[in-house]
Amino acid sequence: MPDKSHEFAAMKETSASSSTALDALLRAAKESGEAGARPVDKWNPPYCGSIGMSIRRDGVWLYQGSPIGRIALAKLFASILRKDADGKTYLVTPAEKVDVDIDDAPFLAVEMVVSGEGRDQALTFRTNVDDVVTVDATHPLRFAVSEPDGGLKPYVLVRGRLEALCTRAVYMELVSLAVAKNADGDEIGLWSGGVWWALTASV
């Protein structure tokens, strides 16, 4: 297992009275496998409630209202994140499951690379925690209505039920790539992974 001791050094700044639950979670996460996404879908630990973890709309992780500034820690937590069928999102280790409050999506798609053209086009995104995913049938792209302006917000499925919301800059790139599906021009969208993704809100 890679040495991840440097990823946890920042947590020394947390007061002793509030750090016990978080320290335990960090230790469990560290012991749960190699770097990258862990096999959280295979774990069925007891539910342990909330310790004050949340993710803001801008992708910033918070612990008891304070930003977690170290990207290494955010990546570690992201690797043990799971959204269950009940619609709630949790941090999951083999030993425990705790709540994470999500303002919108757990991840942001901050960069996009386009390869190929037409039906052979592939849209590949990098998230704010460095997941890389190409839009295809397994990792669908969807659009939702943005309130209150009524515009569209694009999301790409990263893994499990966890999505990344495209930043405004990435959304503008997507819009610039939009084409008509056929000659009559009735439907506008994008190709990726051999699938047509209509530029319209999902029902």
N, C-alpha and C. Protein backbone atom coordinates (compact mmCIF):
# COMPACT_ATOMS: atom_id res chain seq x y z
N MET A 1 0.85 -1.20 0.00
CA MET A 1 0.00 0.00 0.00
C MET A 1 0.88 1.25 0.00
N PRO A 2 0.57 2.24 -0.85
CA PRO A 2 1.36 3.46 -0.87
C PRO A 2 1.27 4.19 0.46
N ASP A 3 2.39 4.85 0.82
CA ASP A 3 2.41 5.62 2.05
C ASP A 3 1.59 6.88 1.88
N LYS A 4 0.50 6.99 2.64
CA LYS A 4 -0.38 8.15 2.53
C LYS A 4 -0.33 9.01 3.78
N SER A 5 0.74 8.87 4.56
CA SER A 5 0.78 9.60 5.82
C SER A 5 0.72 11.10 5.63
N HIS A 6 1.26 11.59 4.50
CA HIS A 6 1.24 13.03 4.26
C HIS A 6 -0.17 13.55 4.05
N GLU A 7 -1.08 12.67 3.60
CA GLU A 7 -2.45 13.10 3.33
C GLU A 7 -3.21 13.43 4.62
N PHE A 8 -2.73 12.93 5.71
CA PHE A 8 -3.45 13.09 6.96
C PHE A 8 -2.82 14.13 7.88
N ALA A 9 -1.67 14.67 7.49
CA ALA A 9 -0.98 15.62 8.35
C ALA A 9 -1.82 16.86 8.63
N ALA A 10 -2.62 17.26 7.63
CA ALA A 10 -3.42 18.48 7.79
C ALA A 10 -4.45 18.35 8.91
N MET A 11 -4.84 17.13 9.24
CA MET A 11 -5.89 16.96 10.22
C MET A 11 -5.41 17.26 11.65
N LYS A 12 -4.10 17.46 11.85
CA LYS A 12 -3.58 17.82 13.16
C LYS A 12 -4.09 19.19 13.59
N GLU A 13 -4.53 19.98 12.60
CA GLU A 13 -5.04 21.31 12.90
C GLU A 13 -6.43 21.25 13.53
N THR A 14 -7.11 20.11 13.41
CA THR A 14 -8.45 19.97 13.96
C THR A 14 -8.38 19.83 15.48
N SER A 15 -9.26 20.49 16.19
CA SER A 15 -9.22 20.43 17.65
C SER A 15 -9.51 19.01 18.13
N ALA A 16 -8.89 18.65 19.28
CA ALA A 16 -9.03 17.30 19.79
C ALA A 16 -10.48 16.96 20.10
N SER A 17 -11.26 17.94 20.54
CA SER A 17 -12.64 17.67 20.93
C SER A 17 -13.54 17.31 19.77
N SER A 18 -13.18 17.74 18.54
CA SER A 18 -14.06 17.50 17.40
C SER A 18 -13.48 16.53 16.38
N SER A 19 -12.27 16.02 16.64
CA SER A 19 -11.59 15.25 15.61
C SER A 19 -11.72 13.75 15.77
N THR A 20 -12.24 13.26 16.88
CA THR A 20 -12.23 11.82 17.14
C THR A 20 -12.92 11.03 16.03
N ALA A 21 -14.13 11.41 15.67
CA ALA A 21 -14.88 10.69 14.63
C ALA A 21 -14.18 10.78 13.29
N LEU A 22 -13.69 11.96 12.96
CA LEU A 22 -13.02 12.14 11.68
C LEU A 22 -11.71 11.35 11.63
N ASP A 23 -10.95 11.37 12.71
CA ASP A 23 -9.70 10.61 12.75
C ASP A 23 -9.96 9.12 12.54
N ALA A 24 -11.03 8.62 13.17
CA ALA A 24 -11.37 7.21 13.01
C ALA A 24 -11.73 6.90 11.56
N LEU A 25 -12.47 7.82 10.93
CA LEU A 25 -12.84 7.63 9.54
C LEU A 25 -11.61 7.65 8.64
N LEU A 26 -10.68 8.55 8.90
CA LEU A 26 -9.45 8.63 8.11
C LEU A 26 -8.64 7.35 8.24
N ARG A 27 -8.53 6.85 9.45
CA ARG A 27 -7.78 5.61 9.64
C ARG A 27 -8.42 4.46 8.87
N ALA A 28 -9.75 4.38 8.94
CA ALA A 28 -10.45 3.30 8.24
C ALA A 28 -10.29 3.44 6.74
N ALA A 29 -10.35 4.68 6.24
CA ALA A 29 -10.19 4.90 4.80
C ALA A 29 -8.79 4.52 4.36
N LYS A 30 -7.81 4.88 5.16
CA LYS A 30 -6.42 4.57 4.83
C LYS A 30 -6.20 3.07 4.74
N GLU A 31 -6.88 2.34 5.59
CA GLU A 31 -6.68 0.89 5.66
C GLU A 31 -7.54 0.10 4.68
N SER A 32 -8.37 0.80 3.90
CA SER A 32 -9.39 0.10 3.10
C SER A 32 -8.94 -0.28 1.70
N GLY A 33 -7.69 0.02 1.32
CA GLY A 33 -7.24 -0.40 0.00
C GLY A 33 -6.28 0.58 -0.62
N GLU A 34 -5.95 0.32 -1.88
CA GLU A 34 -4.99 1.16 -2.60
C GLU A 34 -5.63 2.49 -3.00
N ALA A 35 -4.80 3.37 -3.56
CA ALA A 35 -5.29 4.67 -4.02
C ALA A 35 -6.34 4.47 -5.11
N GLY A 36 -7.22 5.46 -5.24
CA GLY A 36 -8.31 5.37 -6.21
C GLY A 36 -9.58 4.90 -5.54
N ALA A 37 -10.63 4.75 -6.35
CA ALA A 37 -11.92 4.36 -5.80
C ALA A 37 -11.84 2.98 -5.15
N ARG A 38 -12.39 2.87 -3.97
CA ARG A 38 -12.42 1.60 -3.25
C ARG A 38 -13.67 0.81 -3.62
N PRO A 39 -13.71 -0.48 -3.31
CA PRO A 39 -14.88 -1.31 -3.64
C PRO A 39 -16.03 -1.08 -2.66
N VAL A 40 -16.50 0.15 -2.56
CA VAL A 40 -17.50 0.50 -1.55
C VAL A 40 -18.82 -0.24 -1.74
N ASP A 41 -19.14 -0.62 -2.97
CA ASP A 41 -20.41 -1.32 -3.20
C ASP A 41 -20.41 -2.72 -2.59
N LYS A 42 -19.24 -3.24 -2.25
CA LYS A 42 -19.15 -4.57 -1.67
C LYS A 42 -19.18 -4.53 -0.15
N TRP A 43 -19.13 -3.34 0.41
CA TRP A 43 -19.09 -3.21 1.86
C TRP A 43 -20.48 -2.95 2.42
N ASN A 44 -20.78 -3.54 3.57
CA ASN A 44 -22.07 -3.34 4.21
C ASN A 44 -21.87 -3.06 5.71
N PRO A 45 -21.23 -1.92 6.01
CA PRO A 45 -20.96 -1.61 7.42
C PRO A 45 -22.19 -1.03 8.11
N PRO A 46 -22.17 -0.93 9.43
CA PRO A 46 -23.29 -0.31 10.14
C PRO A 46 -23.35 1.19 9.87
N TYR A 47 -24.57 1.74 9.87
CA TYR A 47 -24.78 3.18 9.70
C TYR A 47 -24.46 3.88 11.02
N CYS A 48 -23.62 4.90 10.95
CA CYS A 48 -23.14 5.57 12.16
C CYS A 48 -23.56 7.03 12.25
N GLY A 49 -24.51 7.46 11.41
CA GLY A 49 -25.03 8.81 11.51
C GLY A 49 -24.17 9.85 10.82
N SER A 50 -24.18 11.06 11.35
CA SER A 50 -23.47 12.18 10.76
C SER A 50 -22.31 12.62 11.64
N ILE A 51 -21.19 12.97 10.99
CA ILE A 51 -20.08 13.58 11.73
C ILE A 51 -19.82 15.01 11.23
N GLY A 52 -20.76 15.51 10.36
CA GLY A 52 -20.63 16.89 9.89
C GLY A 52 -19.91 17.05 8.58
N MET A 53 -19.93 16.02 7.71
CA MET A 53 -19.28 16.11 6.40
C MET A 53 -20.29 16.62 5.37
N SER A 54 -19.83 17.49 4.47
CA SER A 54 -20.70 17.99 3.40
C SER A 54 -19.85 18.43 2.21
N ILE A 55 -20.51 18.56 1.06
CA ILE A 55 -19.85 19.03 -0.16
C ILE A 55 -20.67 20.17 -0.73
N ARG A 56 -20.04 21.34 -0.86
CA ARG A 56 -20.73 22.50 -1.39
C ARG A 56 -20.95 22.38 -2.89
N ARG A 57 -21.79 23.25 -3.40
CA ARG A 57 -22.09 23.28 -4.83
C ARG A 57 -20.84 23.50 -5.68
N ASP A 58 -19.85 24.21 -5.12
CA ASP A 58 -18.62 24.48 -5.87
C ASP A 58 -17.58 23.37 -5.71
N GLY A 59 -17.98 22.24 -5.11
CA GLY A 59 -17.08 21.10 -5.00
C GLY A 59 -16.20 21.09 -3.77
N VAL A 60 -16.29 22.11 -2.93
CA VAL A 60 -15.46 22.17 -1.73
C VAL A 60 -16.04 21.26 -0.65
N TRP A 61 -15.17 20.44 -0.06
CA TRP A 61 -15.56 19.56 1.04
C TRP A 61 -15.48 20.34 2.35
N LEU A 62 -16.45 20.11 3.24
CA LEU A 62 -16.48 20.75 4.54
C LEU A 62 -16.56 19.71 5.64
N TYR A 63 -15.89 20.00 6.74
CA TYR A 63 -16.04 19.19 7.95
C TYR A 63 -16.50 20.12 9.06
N GLN A 64 -17.72 19.88 9.55
CA GLN A 64 -18.35 20.72 10.57
C GLN A 64 -18.29 22.20 10.20
N GLY A 65 -18.56 22.46 8.90
CA GLY A 65 -18.66 23.83 8.42
C GLY A 65 -17.35 24.45 7.96
N SER A 66 -16.23 23.79 8.21
CA SER A 66 -14.92 24.34 7.83
C SER A 66 -14.40 23.65 6.57
N PRO A 67 -13.91 24.41 5.59
CA PRO A 67 -13.39 23.80 4.35
C PRO A 67 -12.21 22.88 4.62
N ILE A 68 -12.18 21.77 3.90
CA ILE A 68 -11.02 20.87 3.91
C ILE A 68 -10.15 21.31 2.74
N GLY A 69 -9.07 22.02 3.05
CA GLY A 69 -8.28 22.67 2.01
C GLY A 69 -7.32 21.76 1.28
N ARG A 70 -6.98 20.62 1.84
CA ARG A 70 -6.01 19.74 1.21
C ARG A 70 -6.67 18.85 0.17
N ILE A 71 -6.26 18.98 -1.08
CA ILE A 71 -6.86 18.19 -2.15
C ILE A 71 -6.64 16.70 -1.92
N ALA A 72 -5.52 16.33 -1.29
CA ALA A 72 -5.26 14.91 -1.02
C ALA A 72 -6.33 14.32 -0.12
N LEU A 73 -6.80 15.10 0.85
CA LEU A 73 -7.85 14.62 1.73
C LEU A 73 -9.18 14.51 0.99
N ALA A 74 -9.49 15.50 0.15
CA ALA A 74 -10.72 15.45 -0.64
C ALA A 74 -10.72 14.21 -1.55
N LYS A 75 -9.57 13.91 -2.15
CA LYS A 75 -9.47 12.73 -3.01
C LYS A 75 -9.66 11.45 -2.20
N LEU A 76 -9.10 11.43 -1.01
CA LEU A 76 -9.26 10.25 -0.16
C LEU A 76 -10.73 10.02 0.18
N PHE A 77 -11.42 11.09 0.59
CA PHE A 77 -12.83 10.95 0.91
C PHE A 77 -13.64 10.58 -0.33
N ALA A 78 -13.29 11.17 -1.47
CA ALA A 78 -14.01 10.86 -2.71
C ALA A 78 -13.90 9.38 -3.06
N SER A 79 -12.78 8.76 -2.69
CA SER A 79 -12.56 7.35 -3.03
C SER A 79 -13.43 6.40 -2.22
N ILE A 80 -14.03 6.89 -1.12
CA ILE A 80 -14.90 6.03 -0.31
C ILE A 80 -16.33 6.58 -0.28
N LEU A 81 -16.67 7.37 -1.30
CA LEU A 81 -18.01 7.96 -1.39
C LEU A 81 -18.95 7.00 -2.11
N ARG A 82 -20.19 6.93 -1.64
CA ARG A 82 -21.19 6.06 -2.26
C ARG A 82 -22.57 6.69 -2.14
N LYS A 83 -23.34 6.65 -3.22
CA LYS A 83 -24.74 7.07 -3.18
C LYS A 83 -25.60 5.83 -3.26
N ASP A 84 -26.47 5.65 -2.27
CA ASP A 84 -27.28 4.45 -2.19
C ASP A 84 -28.64 4.62 -2.87
N ALA A 85 -29.38 3.54 -2.94
CA ALA A 85 -30.69 3.55 -3.59
C ALA A 85 -31.68 4.47 -2.87
N ASP A 86 -31.41 4.78 -1.61
CA ASP A 86 -32.29 5.69 -0.87
C ASP A 86 -32.07 7.15 -1.25
N GLY A 87 -31.14 7.40 -2.18
CA GLY A 87 -30.87 8.76 -2.64
C GLY A 87 -29.90 9.53 -1.78
N LYS A 88 -29.47 8.93 -0.68
CA LYS A 88 -28.52 9.60 0.22
C LYS A 88 -27.09 9.20 -0.12
N THR A 89 -26.16 10.10 0.20
CA THR A 89 -24.75 9.86 -0.08
C THR A 89 -24.00 9.65 1.23
N TYR A 90 -23.07 8.70 1.21
CA TYR A 90 -22.36 8.32 2.43
C TYR A 90 -20.87 8.18 2.16
N LEU A 91 -20.07 8.36 3.21
CA LEU A 91 -18.69 7.89 3.23
C LEU A 91 -18.73 6.49 3.82
N VAL A 92 -18.12 5.54 3.11
CA VAL A 92 -18.24 4.14 3.48
C VAL A 92 -16.87 3.51 3.63
N THR A 93 -16.64 2.86 4.74
CA THR A 93 -15.45 2.02 4.95
C THR A 93 -15.94 0.64 5.34
N PRO A 94 -15.05 -0.34 5.44
CA PRO A 94 -15.51 -1.65 5.90
C PRO A 94 -16.10 -1.62 7.30
N ALA A 95 -15.81 -0.56 8.08
CA ALA A 95 -16.23 -0.53 9.48
C ALA A 95 -17.43 0.36 9.76
N GLU A 96 -17.69 1.36 8.91
CA GLU A 96 -18.77 2.31 9.22
C GLU A 96 -19.26 3.02 7.96
N LYS A 97 -20.45 3.61 8.11
CA LYS A 97 -21.07 4.40 7.04
C LYS A 97 -21.62 5.68 7.67
N VAL A 98 -21.17 6.85 7.16
CA VAL A 98 -21.62 8.12 7.73
C VAL A 98 -22.17 9.02 6.64
N ASP A 99 -23.06 9.92 7.03
CA ASP A 99 -23.74 10.81 6.09
C ASP A 99 -22.79 11.84 5.48
N VAL A 100 -23.07 12.19 4.22
CA VAL A 100 -22.44 13.35 3.58
C VAL A 100 -23.57 14.16 2.94
N ASP A 101 -23.69 15.41 3.32
CA ASP A 101 -24.70 16.28 2.73
C ASP A 101 -24.15 16.90 1.45
N ILE A 102 -24.92 16.78 0.35
CA ILE A 102 -24.47 17.24 -0.97
C ILE A 102 -25.37 18.39 -1.43
N ASP A 103 -24.79 19.54 -1.73
CA ASP A 103 -25.58 20.65 -2.23
C ASP A 103 -26.12 20.38 -3.63
N ASP A 104 -25.30 19.75 -4.49
CA ASP A 104 -25.73 19.45 -5.86
C ASP A 104 -25.17 18.09 -6.25
N ALA A 105 -24.02 18.07 -6.93
CA ALA A 105 -23.35 16.81 -7.26
C ALA A 105 -22.09 16.68 -6.41
N PRO A 106 -21.64 15.46 -6.14
CA PRO A 106 -20.44 15.31 -5.33
C PRO A 106 -19.16 15.74 -6.01
N PHE A 107 -19.15 15.71 -7.35
CA PHE A 107 -17.95 16.06 -8.10
C PHE A 107 -18.27 17.17 -9.12
N LEU A 108 -17.21 17.82 -9.59
CA LEU A 108 -17.31 18.77 -10.69
C LEU A 108 -16.48 18.27 -11.86
N ALA A 109 -17.02 18.36 -13.07
CA ALA A 109 -16.24 18.10 -14.28
C ALA A 109 -15.58 19.42 -14.68
N VAL A 110 -14.27 19.49 -14.52
CA VAL A 110 -13.56 20.75 -14.65
C VAL A 110 -12.79 20.88 -15.96
N GLU A 111 -12.67 19.78 -16.69
CA GLU A 111 -11.89 19.81 -17.93
C GLU A 111 -12.46 18.77 -18.89
N MET A 112 -12.43 19.09 -20.19
CA MET A 112 -12.95 18.16 -21.20
C MET A 112 -11.97 18.04 -22.36
N VAL A 113 -11.81 16.83 -22.83
CA VAL A 113 -11.00 16.56 -24.02
C VAL A 113 -11.90 15.90 -25.06
N VAL A 114 -11.82 16.38 -26.30
CA VAL A 114 -12.65 15.85 -27.39
C VAL A 114 -11.75 15.13 -28.38
N SER A 115 -12.13 13.91 -28.74
CA SER A 115 -11.40 13.17 -29.76
C SER A 115 -12.40 12.61 -30.76
N GLY A 116 -11.94 12.46 -32.02
CA GLY A 116 -12.80 11.94 -33.06
C GLY A 116 -13.85 12.95 -33.52
N GLU A 117 -14.67 12.54 -34.47
CA GLU A 117 -15.70 13.40 -35.03
C GLU A 117 -16.98 12.60 -35.26
N GLY A 118 -18.09 13.34 -35.36
CA GLY A 118 -19.37 12.72 -35.68
C GLY A 118 -19.71 11.59 -34.72
N ARG A 119 -20.17 10.47 -35.25
CA ARG A 119 -20.55 9.33 -34.41
C ARG A 119 -19.36 8.72 -33.68
N ASP A 120 -18.16 8.99 -34.15
CA ASP A 120 -16.95 8.46 -33.52
C ASP A 120 -16.38 9.40 -32.46
N GLN A 121 -17.08 10.48 -32.19
CA GLN A 121 -16.59 11.44 -31.22
C GLN A 121 -16.62 10.85 -29.80
N ALA A 122 -15.63 11.24 -29.00
CA ALA A 122 -15.59 10.84 -27.59
C ALA A 122 -15.32 12.07 -26.74
N LEU A 123 -16.15 12.25 -25.71
CA LEU A 123 -16.01 13.35 -24.76
C LEU A 123 -15.48 12.78 -23.45
N THR A 124 -14.29 13.20 -23.07
CA THR A 124 -13.66 12.70 -21.85
C THR A 124 -13.50 13.84 -20.86
N PHE A 125 -13.95 13.60 -19.63
CA PHE A 125 -13.92 14.63 -18.59
C PHE A 125 -12.94 14.26 -17.48
N ARG A 126 -12.34 15.30 -16.89
CA ARG A 126 -11.57 15.15 -15.66
C ARG A 126 -12.32 15.89 -14.56
N THR A 127 -12.46 15.23 -13.41
CA THR A 127 -13.18 15.85 -12.30
C THR A 127 -12.22 16.63 -11.40
N ASN A 128 -12.80 17.34 -10.46
CA ASN A 128 -12.00 18.11 -9.50
C ASN A 128 -11.21 17.24 -8.54
N VAL A 129 -11.52 15.93 -8.50
CA VAL A 129 -10.72 15.01 -7.70
C VAL A 129 -9.97 14.02 -8.59
N ASP A 130 -9.82 14.41 -9.87
CA ASP A 130 -8.98 13.70 -10.85
C ASP A 130 -9.50 12.35 -11.29
N ASP A 131 -10.80 12.09 -11.16
CA ASP A 131 -11.39 10.97 -11.89
C ASP A 131 -11.41 11.35 -13.37
N VAL A 132 -11.19 10.38 -14.24
CA VAL A 132 -11.26 10.60 -15.69
C VAL A 132 -12.31 9.64 -16.25
N VAL A 133 -13.27 10.18 -16.96
CA VAL A 133 -14.38 9.35 -17.46
C VAL A 133 -14.79 9.81 -18.84
N THR A 134 -15.04 8.86 -19.74
CA THR A 134 -15.50 9.15 -21.09
C THR A 134 -16.99 8.86 -21.19
N VAL A 135 -17.74 9.80 -21.73
CA VAL A 135 -19.19 9.64 -21.87
C VAL A 135 -19.49 8.50 -22.83
N ASP A 136 -20.27 7.53 -22.35
CA ASP A 136 -20.71 6.41 -23.18
C ASP A 136 -21.93 5.79 -22.50
N ALA A 137 -22.33 4.63 -22.96
CA ALA A 137 -23.54 4.01 -22.40
C ALA A 137 -23.38 3.69 -20.92
N THR A 138 -22.17 3.44 -20.47
CA THR A 138 -21.91 3.13 -19.07
C THR A 138 -21.78 4.39 -18.23
N HIS A 139 -21.35 5.47 -18.84
CA HIS A 139 -21.16 6.75 -18.15
C HIS A 139 -21.97 7.82 -18.90
N PRO A 140 -23.30 7.79 -18.71
CA PRO A 140 -24.17 8.68 -19.50
C PRO A 140 -24.03 10.15 -19.13
N LEU A 141 -24.38 10.96 -20.10
CA LEU A 141 -24.46 12.41 -19.94
C LEU A 141 -25.94 12.77 -19.86
N ARG A 142 -26.30 13.60 -18.89
CA ARG A 142 -27.69 14.04 -18.80
C ARG A 142 -27.73 15.54 -18.54
N PHE A 143 -28.87 16.11 -18.86
CA PHE A 143 -29.07 17.54 -18.65
C PHE A 143 -30.29 17.73 -17.75
N ALA A 144 -30.15 18.63 -16.79
CA ALA A 144 -31.25 18.96 -15.88
C ALA A 144 -31.52 20.45 -15.97
N VAL A 145 -32.72 20.84 -15.59
CA VAL A 145 -33.08 22.26 -15.60
C VAL A 145 -32.40 22.96 -14.43
N SER A 146 -31.78 24.09 -14.72
CA SER A 146 -31.12 24.89 -13.69
C SER A 146 -32.09 25.95 -13.18
N GLU A 147 -32.29 25.94 -11.87
CA GLU A 147 -33.18 26.93 -11.26
C GLU A 147 -32.35 28.07 -10.68
N PRO A 148 -32.84 29.32 -10.72
CA PRO A 148 -34.18 29.71 -11.21
C PRO A 148 -34.18 30.18 -12.67
N ASP A 149 -33.04 30.09 -13.36
CA ASP A 149 -32.95 30.71 -14.70
C ASP A 149 -33.55 29.85 -15.80
N GLY A 150 -33.81 28.56 -15.51
CA GLY A 150 -34.42 27.70 -16.51
C GLY A 150 -33.45 27.17 -17.55
N GLY A 151 -32.15 27.42 -17.37
CA GLY A 151 -31.15 26.88 -18.28
C GLY A 151 -30.91 25.40 -18.04
N LEU A 152 -29.85 24.88 -18.61
CA LEU A 152 -29.53 23.46 -18.46
C LEU A 152 -28.24 23.27 -17.68
N LYS A 153 -28.20 22.20 -16.89
CA LYS A 153 -27.00 21.79 -16.18
C LYS A 153 -26.63 20.38 -16.65
N PRO A 154 -25.42 20.20 -17.18
CA PRO A 154 -25.01 18.86 -17.62
C PRO A 154 -24.29 18.09 -16.51
N TYR A 155 -24.62 16.81 -16.43
CA TYR A 155 -24.00 15.91 -15.46
C TYR A 155 -23.49 14.68 -16.21
N VAL A 156 -22.37 14.14 -15.74
CA VAL A 156 -21.87 12.87 -16.27
C VAL A 156 -21.73 11.90 -15.12
N LEU A 157 -22.15 10.65 -15.34
CA LEU A 157 -22.04 9.63 -14.32
C LEU A 157 -20.59 9.17 -14.22
N VAL A 158 -20.04 9.24 -13.02
CA VAL A 158 -18.64 8.88 -12.80
C VAL A 158 -18.53 7.40 -12.41
N ARG A 159 -19.23 7.02 -11.36
CA ARG A 159 -19.25 5.61 -10.92
C ARG A 159 -20.41 5.41 -9.96
N GLY A 160 -20.90 4.17 -9.93
CA GLY A 160 -22.06 3.91 -9.08
C GLY A 160 -23.20 4.83 -9.44
N ARG A 161 -23.69 5.60 -8.46
CA ARG A 161 -24.71 6.62 -8.69
C ARG A 161 -24.14 8.03 -8.55
N LEU A 162 -22.82 8.14 -8.53
CA LEU A 162 -22.16 9.43 -8.30
C LEU A 162 -21.92 10.16 -9.61
N GLU A 163 -22.36 11.41 -9.66
CA GLU A 163 -22.24 12.22 -10.86
C GLU A 163 -21.30 13.40 -10.65
N ALA A 164 -20.82 13.92 -11.77
CA ALA A 164 -20.07 15.17 -11.77
C ALA A 164 -20.87 16.22 -12.53
N LEU A 165 -21.02 17.37 -11.92
CA LEU A 165 -21.66 18.51 -12.58
C LEU A 165 -20.62 19.25 -13.40
N CYS A 166 -20.90 19.51 -14.66
CA CYS A 166 -19.96 20.25 -15.50
C CYS A 166 -19.93 21.72 -15.07
N THR A 167 -18.72 22.26 -14.95
CA THR A 167 -18.60 23.68 -14.65
C THR A 167 -19.16 24.49 -15.82
N ARG A 168 -19.37 25.76 -15.58
CA ARG A 168 -19.92 26.62 -16.64
C ARG A 168 -19.01 26.63 -17.86
N ALA A 169 -17.69 26.68 -17.63
CA ALA A 169 -16.75 26.70 -18.76
C ALA A 169 -16.86 25.42 -19.59
N VAL A 170 -16.98 24.27 -18.92
CA VAL A 170 -17.11 23.01 -19.65
C VAL A 170 -18.46 22.94 -20.35
N TYR A 171 -19.50 23.46 -19.72
CA TYR A 171 -20.81 23.49 -20.35
C TYR A 171 -20.77 24.31 -21.64
N MET A 172 -20.08 25.44 -21.61
CA MET A 172 -19.98 26.26 -22.82
C MET A 172 -19.24 25.51 -23.93
N GLU A 173 -18.25 24.71 -23.55
CA GLU A 173 -17.57 23.88 -24.55
C GLU A 173 -18.52 22.86 -25.15
N LEU A 174 -19.34 22.26 -24.31
CA LEU A 174 -20.33 21.29 -24.81
C LEU A 174 -21.29 21.95 -25.79
N VAL A 175 -21.78 23.12 -25.43
CA VAL A 175 -22.73 23.83 -26.29
C VAL A 175 -22.09 24.14 -27.65
N SER A 176 -20.82 24.50 -27.62
CA SER A 176 -20.14 24.83 -28.89
C SER A 176 -19.98 23.62 -29.80
N LEU A 177 -20.06 22.42 -29.22
CA LEU A 177 -19.93 21.19 -30.00
C LEU A 177 -21.27 20.65 -30.49
N ALA A 178 -22.36 21.21 -30.01
CA ALA A 178 -23.69 20.68 -30.33
C ALA A 178 -23.97 20.74 -31.84
N VAL A 179 -24.57 19.68 -32.34
CA VAL A 179 -24.91 19.58 -33.77
C VAL A 179 -26.32 19.01 -33.89
N ALA A 180 -26.87 19.12 -35.09
CA ALA A 180 -28.17 18.51 -35.36
C ALA A 180 -27.99 17.01 -35.59
N LYS A 181 -28.94 16.23 -35.09
CA LYS A 181 -28.84 14.78 -35.22
C LYS A 181 -29.04 14.33 -36.65
N ASN A 182 -29.92 15.03 -37.37
CA ASN A 182 -30.17 14.66 -38.76
C ASN A 182 -30.44 15.92 -39.58
N ALA A 183 -30.75 15.73 -40.82
CA ALA A 183 -30.87 16.85 -41.75
C ALA A 183 -31.98 17.82 -41.41
N ASP A 184 -33.06 17.35 -40.80
CA ASP A 184 -34.16 18.27 -40.50
C ASP A 184 -33.86 19.20 -39.33
N GLY A 185 -32.81 18.88 -38.56
CA GLY A 185 -32.36 19.78 -37.49
C GLY A 185 -33.30 19.90 -36.33
N ASP A 186 -34.22 18.95 -36.15
CA ASP A 186 -35.20 19.04 -35.07
C ASP A 186 -34.59 18.76 -33.69
N GLU A 187 -33.51 17.98 -33.65
CA GLU A 187 -32.91 17.61 -32.38
C GLU A 187 -31.43 17.99 -32.37
N ILE A 188 -31.04 18.73 -31.33
CA ILE A 188 -29.66 19.18 -31.18
C ILE A 188 -29.03 18.41 -30.02
N GLY A 189 -27.78 18.03 -30.20
CA GLY A 189 -27.10 17.30 -29.15
C GLY A 189 -25.66 17.00 -29.49
N LEU A 190 -25.14 15.93 -28.88
CA LEU A 190 -23.74 15.57 -29.07
C LEU A 190 -23.59 14.05 -29.16
N TRP A 191 -22.57 13.62 -29.90
CA TRP A 191 -22.21 12.22 -29.94
C TRP A 191 -21.06 11.97 -28.98
N SER A 192 -21.09 10.84 -28.30
CA SER A 192 -19.94 10.38 -27.53
C SER A 192 -20.12 8.91 -27.21
N GLY A 193 -19.06 8.14 -27.39
CA GLY A 193 -19.12 6.72 -27.09
C GLY A 193 -20.12 5.97 -27.94
N GLY A 194 -20.40 6.47 -29.15
CA GLY A 194 -21.35 5.82 -30.04
C GLY A 194 -22.81 6.06 -29.67
N VAL A 195 -23.05 6.98 -28.73
CA VAL A 195 -24.41 7.26 -28.27
C VAL A 195 -24.74 8.73 -28.52
N TRP A 196 -25.98 9.00 -28.91
CA TRP A 196 -26.45 10.37 -29.10
C TRP A 196 -27.02 10.92 -27.80
N TRP A 197 -26.52 12.10 -27.39
CA TRP A 197 -26.98 12.73 -26.16
C TRP A 197 -27.69 14.04 -26.51
N ALA A 198 -29.02 14.01 -26.42
CA ALA A 198 -29.82 15.19 -26.79
C ALA A 198 -29.58 16.32 -25.80
N LEU A 199 -29.48 17.53 -26.31
CA LEU A 199 -29.25 18.71 -25.49
C LEU A 199 -30.60 19.20 -24.96
N THR A 200 -31.18 18.40 -24.08
CA THR A 200 -32.47 18.73 -23.50
C THR A 200 -32.56 18.10 -22.11
N ALA A 201 -33.37 18.66 -21.26
CA ALA A 201 -33.48 18.15 -19.89
C ALA A 201 -34.09 16.76 -19.89
N SER A 202 -33.53 15.88 -19.06
CA SER A 202 -34.06 14.54 -18.92
C SER A 202 -35.37 14.59 -18.18
N VAL A 203 -36.27 13.69 -18.52
CA VAL A 203 -37.57 13.63 -17.86
C VAL A 203 -37.42 12.98 -16.50
